């Protein structure tokens, strides 16, 4: 019953032949109605429709096979009834065994279909929600902080608040991001080493630009003719005396 309710809620089973009406509404709600995600959610609905079609095709095959096998067994029992007595109770028992066997097969089909739908939802809808919360710019800011503090990637509460403002997310989301990032980094340091090198190089380039800008500002603000008296250079004669 639980699997049946789940398949019905996801639009895989039920009388609708279009399939996925409820799931399509969920996809639209998850996208916030933005046109940028229309292609992605169109792909989601198409894949959900494929799952529905496969489910109904396999279900019809199992039902047909069950009916054919039941008919075959009934004919065998009728043939045997010519040589030995067969009670209606024995026939009922054999039919029950057949139906239970095919019901078990159908249960496996429902379970695999539910798993396929959950994987699809996780890949499209749940992933879309995560992308809505963390933009590319926000991820860049968080990664820059993480790799610039790689020796101690535990931002203070003040730093979390500042990052939350820059990324337009909550402090709790910042804390969760850093917690997940630390776990992923420790599990596979080699995989993230290239990313760490990239952000280290980016930080070095930014620092070099900052130093170059500071030097240029100092050169611009310094006087062209040094003098200890603070007078303009036009006030001095060629021998250095004040005019």
Protein backbone atom coordinates (compact mmCIF):
# COMPACT_ATOMS: atom_id res chain seq x y z
CA UNK A 1 0.00 0.00 0.00
CA UNK A 2 2.85 2.38 0.84
CA UNK A 3 4.51 1.78 -2.52
CA UNK A 4 1.18 2.18 -4.32
CA UNK A 5 0.55 5.52 -2.58
CA UNK A 6 4.05 6.70 -3.41
CA UNK A 7 3.74 5.80 -7.09
CA UNK A 8 0.35 7.49 -7.22
CA UNK A 9 1.68 10.66 -5.58
CA UNK A 10 4.60 10.82 -8.01
CA UNK A 11 2.29 10.43 -11.00
CA UNK A 12 3.74 7.07 -12.06
CA UNK A 13 0.59 5.06 -11.38
CA UNK A 14 -3.01 6.18 -11.62
CA UNK A 15 -5.59 6.74 -14.34
CA UNK A 16 -3.80 9.69 -15.97
CA UNK A 17 -2.08 8.66 -19.16
CA UNK A 18 -0.08 11.89 -19.39
CA UNK A 19 1.82 10.92 -16.26
CA UNK A 20 3.67 13.03 -13.77
CA UNK A 21 1.12 15.82 -13.29
CA UNK A 22 1.82 16.15 -9.58
CA UNK A 23 5.56 15.81 -10.08
CA UNK A 24 5.50 18.39 -12.86
CA UNK A 25 3.77 20.81 -10.50
CA UNK A 26 6.45 20.10 -7.90
CA UNK A 27 9.14 20.76 -10.49
CA UNK A 28 7.56 24.07 -11.42
CA UNK A 29 7.32 25.06 -7.76
CA UNK A 30 10.95 24.11 -7.18
CA UNK A 31 12.07 26.22 -10.13
CA UNK A 32 10.17 29.23 -8.83
CA UNK A 33 8.52 29.64 -12.21
CA UNK A 34 11.71 30.98 -13.82
CA UNK A 35 12.15 30.42 -17.53
CA UNK A 36 15.87 29.66 -17.08
CA UNK A 37 15.00 26.26 -15.66
CA UNK A 38 12.32 25.31 -18.20
CA UNK A 39 14.67 23.08 -20.23
CA UNK A 40 15.94 21.31 -17.14
CA UNK A 41 12.48 20.59 -15.78
CA UNK A 42 11.24 19.61 -19.21
CA UNK A 43 14.00 16.99 -19.16
CA UNK A 44 12.81 15.94 -15.69
CA UNK A 45 9.24 15.46 -16.87
CA UNK A 46 10.43 13.54 -19.93
CA UNK A 47 12.48 11.13 -17.81
CA UNK A 48 9.59 10.72 -15.38
CA UNK A 49 7.34 9.89 -18.31
CA UNK A 50 9.84 7.24 -19.42
CA UNK A 51 9.78 5.68 -15.96
CA UNK A 52 5.98 5.65 -16.02
CA UNK A 53 5.89 4.05 -19.47
CA UNK A 54 8.39 1.34 -18.48
CA UNK A 55 6.47 0.65 -15.27
CA UNK A 56 3.12 0.20 -17.02
CA UNK A 57 4.66 -1.88 -19.81
CA UNK A 58 6.31 -4.25 -17.35
CA UNK A 59 3.18 -4.35 -15.20
CA UNK A 60 1.05 -5.39 -18.19
CA UNK A 61 3.60 -8.08 -19.10
CA UNK A 62 3.47 -9.54 -15.58
CA UNK A 63 -0.34 -9.49 -15.52
CA UNK A 64 -0.51 -11.14 -18.94
CA UNK A 65 2.08 -13.75 -17.94
CA UNK A 66 0.17 -14.45 -14.72
CA UNK A 67 -3.10 -14.98 -16.60
CA UNK A 68 -1.45 -17.17 -19.23
CA UNK A 69 0.35 -19.29 -16.67
CA UNK A 70 -2.83 -19.65 -14.57
CA UNK A 71 -4.76 -20.79 -17.66
CA UNK A 72 -1.97 -23.24 -18.50
CA UNK A 73 -2.03 -24.75 -15.00
CA UNK A 74 -5.83 -24.96 -15.03
CA UNK A 75 -5.71 -26.88 -18.33
CA UNK A 76 -3.11 -29.26 -16.90
CA UNK A 77 -5.27 -29.90 -13.86
CA UNK A 78 -8.26 -30.60 -16.07
CA UNK A 79 -6.18 -33.11 -18.02
CA UNK A 80 -5.05 -34.74 -14.81
CA UNK A 81 -8.61 -34.87 -13.51
CA UNK A 82 -9.27 -37.59 -16.09
CA UNK A 83 -6.84 -39.92 -14.39
CA UNK A 84 -7.16 -38.84 -10.76
CA UNK A 85 -9.67 -36.88 -8.71
CA UNK A 86 -8.81 -33.19 -8.23
CA UNK A 87 -10.80 -31.21 -5.69
CA UNK A 88 -11.75 -27.53 -6.16
CA UNK A 89 -9.69 -26.78 -3.05
CA UNK A 90 -6.54 -28.10 -4.73
CA UNK A 91 -7.22 -25.97 -7.81
CA UNK A 92 -7.77 -22.90 -5.63
CA UNK A 93 -4.51 -23.57 -3.80
CA UNK A 94 -2.51 -23.82 -7.04
CA UNK A 95 -4.03 -20.60 -8.38
CA UNK A 96 -3.21 -18.87 -5.10
CA UNK A 97 0.44 -19.96 -5.32
CA UNK A 98 0.69 -18.58 -8.84
CA UNK A 99 -0.87 -15.24 -7.92
CA UNK A 100 1.38 -14.84 -4.84
CA UNK A 101 4.44 -15.51 -6.97
CA UNK A 102 3.51 -12.90 -9.53
CA UNK A 103 2.49 -10.46 -6.77
CA UNK A 104 6.01 -10.78 -5.36
CA UNK A 105 7.46 -9.99 -8.79
CA UNK A 106 5.17 -6.96 -9.10
CA UNK A 107 6.30 -5.79 -5.65
CA UNK A 108 9.91 -5.83 -6.83
CA UNK A 109 8.88 -3.82 -9.87
CA UNK A 110 7.19 -1.21 -7.66
CA UNK A 111 10.23 -0.97 -5.39
CA UNK A 112 12.66 -0.50 -8.28
CA UNK A 113 10.34 2.10 -9.83
CA UNK A 114 10.13 4.04 -6.56
CA UNK A 115 13.91 4.00 -6.29
CA UNK A 116 14.22 5.29 -9.85
CA UNK A 117 11.81 8.15 -9.09
CA UNK A 118 13.68 9.08 -5.90
CA UNK A 119 16.99 9.14 -7.76
CA UNK A 120 15.41 11.33 -10.43
CA UNK A 121 14.01 13.75 -7.84
CA UNK A 122 17.36 13.93 -6.08
CA UNK A 123 19.19 14.59 -9.33
CA UNK A 124 16.87 17.31 -10.62
CA UNK A 125 14.66 18.85 -7.93
CA UNK A 126 16.85 18.59 -4.83
CA UNK A 127 19.94 19.60 -6.77
CA UNK A 128 18.00 22.57 -8.16
CA UNK A 129 17.09 23.73 -4.65
CA UNK A 130 20.76 23.63 -3.64
CA UNK A 131 21.77 25.65 -6.68
CA UNK A 132 19.11 28.25 -5.92
CA UNK A 133 20.50 28.72 -2.40
CA UNK A 134 24.14 28.92 -3.44
CA UNK A 135 24.95 30.89 -6.56
CA UNK A 136 28.25 30.53 -8.40
CA UNK A 137 29.45 33.82 -6.92
CA UNK A 138 28.57 32.67 -3.39
CA UNK A 139 30.45 29.40 -3.89
CA UNK A 140 33.48 31.34 -5.15
CA UNK A 141 33.48 33.55 -2.05
CA UNK A 142 33.15 30.59 0.31
CA UNK A 143 35.86 28.61 -1.49
CA UNK A 144 38.24 31.58 -1.45
CA UNK A 145 37.83 31.91 2.31
CA UNK A 146 38.16 28.15 2.86
CA UNK A 147 41.41 27.78 0.90
CA UNK A 148 42.93 31.00 2.23
CA UNK A 149 42.38 29.62 5.77
CA UNK A 150 43.17 26.01 4.92
CA UNK A 151 45.32 25.54 8.02
CA UNK A 152 42.30 26.40 10.18
CA UNK A 153 39.10 26.46 8.06
CA UNK A 154 36.85 27.35 10.97
CA UNK A 155 35.50 30.88 10.46
CA UNK A 156 34.53 32.88 13.53
CA UNK A 157 30.97 34.00 14.10
CA UNK A 158 31.89 37.48 12.85
CA UNK A 159 33.43 35.98 9.70
CA UNK A 160 30.35 33.82 9.15
CA UNK A 161 28.08 36.86 9.38
CA UNK A 162 30.25 38.74 6.90
CA UNK A 163 30.29 35.79 4.48
CA UNK A 164 26.52 35.39 4.84
CA UNK A 165 26.03 39.03 3.83
CA UNK A 166 28.35 38.73 0.85
CA UNK A 167 26.71 35.50 -0.35
CA UNK A 168 23.10 36.54 0.46
CA UNK A 169 22.54 33.39 2.52
CA UNK A 170 22.01 32.68 6.22
CA UNK A 171 24.72 32.17 8.85
CA UNK A 172 23.39 28.64 9.38
CA UNK A 173 23.90 27.87 5.69
CA UNK A 174 27.46 29.19 5.90
CA UNK A 175 28.15 26.91 8.89
CA UNK A 176 26.67 23.91 7.08
CA UNK A 177 28.68 24.65 3.95
CA UNK A 178 31.97 24.80 5.84
CA UNK A 179 31.12 21.63 7.78
CA UNK A 180 30.38 19.71 4.58
CA UNK A 181 33.42 21.20 2.82
CA UNK A 182 35.76 20.14 5.63
CA UNK A 183 34.38 16.59 5.53
CA UNK A 184 34.69 16.32 1.73
CA UNK A 185 38.19 17.79 1.79
CA UNK A 186 39.46 15.39 4.48
CA UNK A 187 37.95 12.37 2.73
CA UNK A 188 39.61 13.14 -0.59
CA UNK A 189 42.46 15.61 -0.18
CA UNK A 190 44.03 14.57 -3.47
CA UNK A 191 40.89 15.41 -5.41
CA UNK A 192 40.66 18.90 -3.90
CA UNK A 193 44.40 19.64 -4.15
CA UNK A 194 44.03 21.00 -7.69
CA UNK A 195 41.20 23.25 -6.53
CA UNK A 196 43.34 24.41 -3.58
CA UNK A 197 46.23 25.25 -5.92
CA UNK A 198 43.87 27.20 -8.17
CA UNK A 199 42.59 29.38 -5.34
CA UNK A 200 46.14 29.80 -3.95
CA UNK A 201 47.32 31.09 -7.34
CA UNK A 202 44.30 33.38 -7.54
CA UNK A 203 45.07 34.79 -4.08
CA UNK A 204 48.72 35.35 -5.06
CA UNK A 205 47.72 37.21 -8.22
CA UNK A 206 45.30 39.43 -6.27
CA UNK A 207 48.01 40.17 -3.70
CA UNK A 208 50.50 41.07 -6.47
CA UNK A 209 47.98 43.43 -8.04
CA UNK A 210 47.35 45.06 -4.66
CA UNK A 211 51.08 45.61 -4.10
CA UNK A 212 51.54 47.02 -7.60
CA UNK A 213 48.64 49.41 -7.07
CA UNK A 214 50.07 50.56 -3.73
CA UNK A 215 53.50 51.21 -5.27
CA UNK A 216 51.92 53.17 -8.12
CA UNK A 217 49.92 55.28 -5.67
CA UNK A 218 53.08 56.06 -3.66
CA UNK A 219 54.95 57.11 -6.79
CA UNK A 220 52.10 59.35 -7.88
CA UNK A 221 51.77 61.07 -4.50
CA UNK A 222 55.58 61.62 -3.94
CA UNK A 223 57.09 65.10 -4.94
CA UNK A 224 59.15 65.31 -8.13
CA UNK A 225 61.94 67.48 -6.53
CA UNK A 226 62.97 66.60 -3.00
CA UNK A 227 63.40 69.51 -0.62
CA UNK A 228 63.68 69.78 3.13
CA UNK A 229 62.01 73.13 3.50
CA UNK A 230 58.70 72.20 2.02
CA UNK A 231 58.91 74.91 -0.68
CA UNK A 232 57.81 74.28 -4.30
CA UNK A 233 60.64 73.42 -6.71
CA UNK A 234 60.11 76.69 -8.60
CA UNK A 235 61.36 78.58 -5.51
CA UNK A 236 64.89 77.15 -5.80
CA UNK A 237 67.76 78.51 -7.91
CA UNK A 238 70.09 76.28 -9.93
CA UNK A 239 72.66 76.27 -7.08
CA UNK A 240 70.04 75.13 -4.61
CA UNK A 241 69.48 78.50 -2.89
CA UNK A 242 66.00 79.89 -2.34
CA UNK A 243 65.14 82.69 -4.73
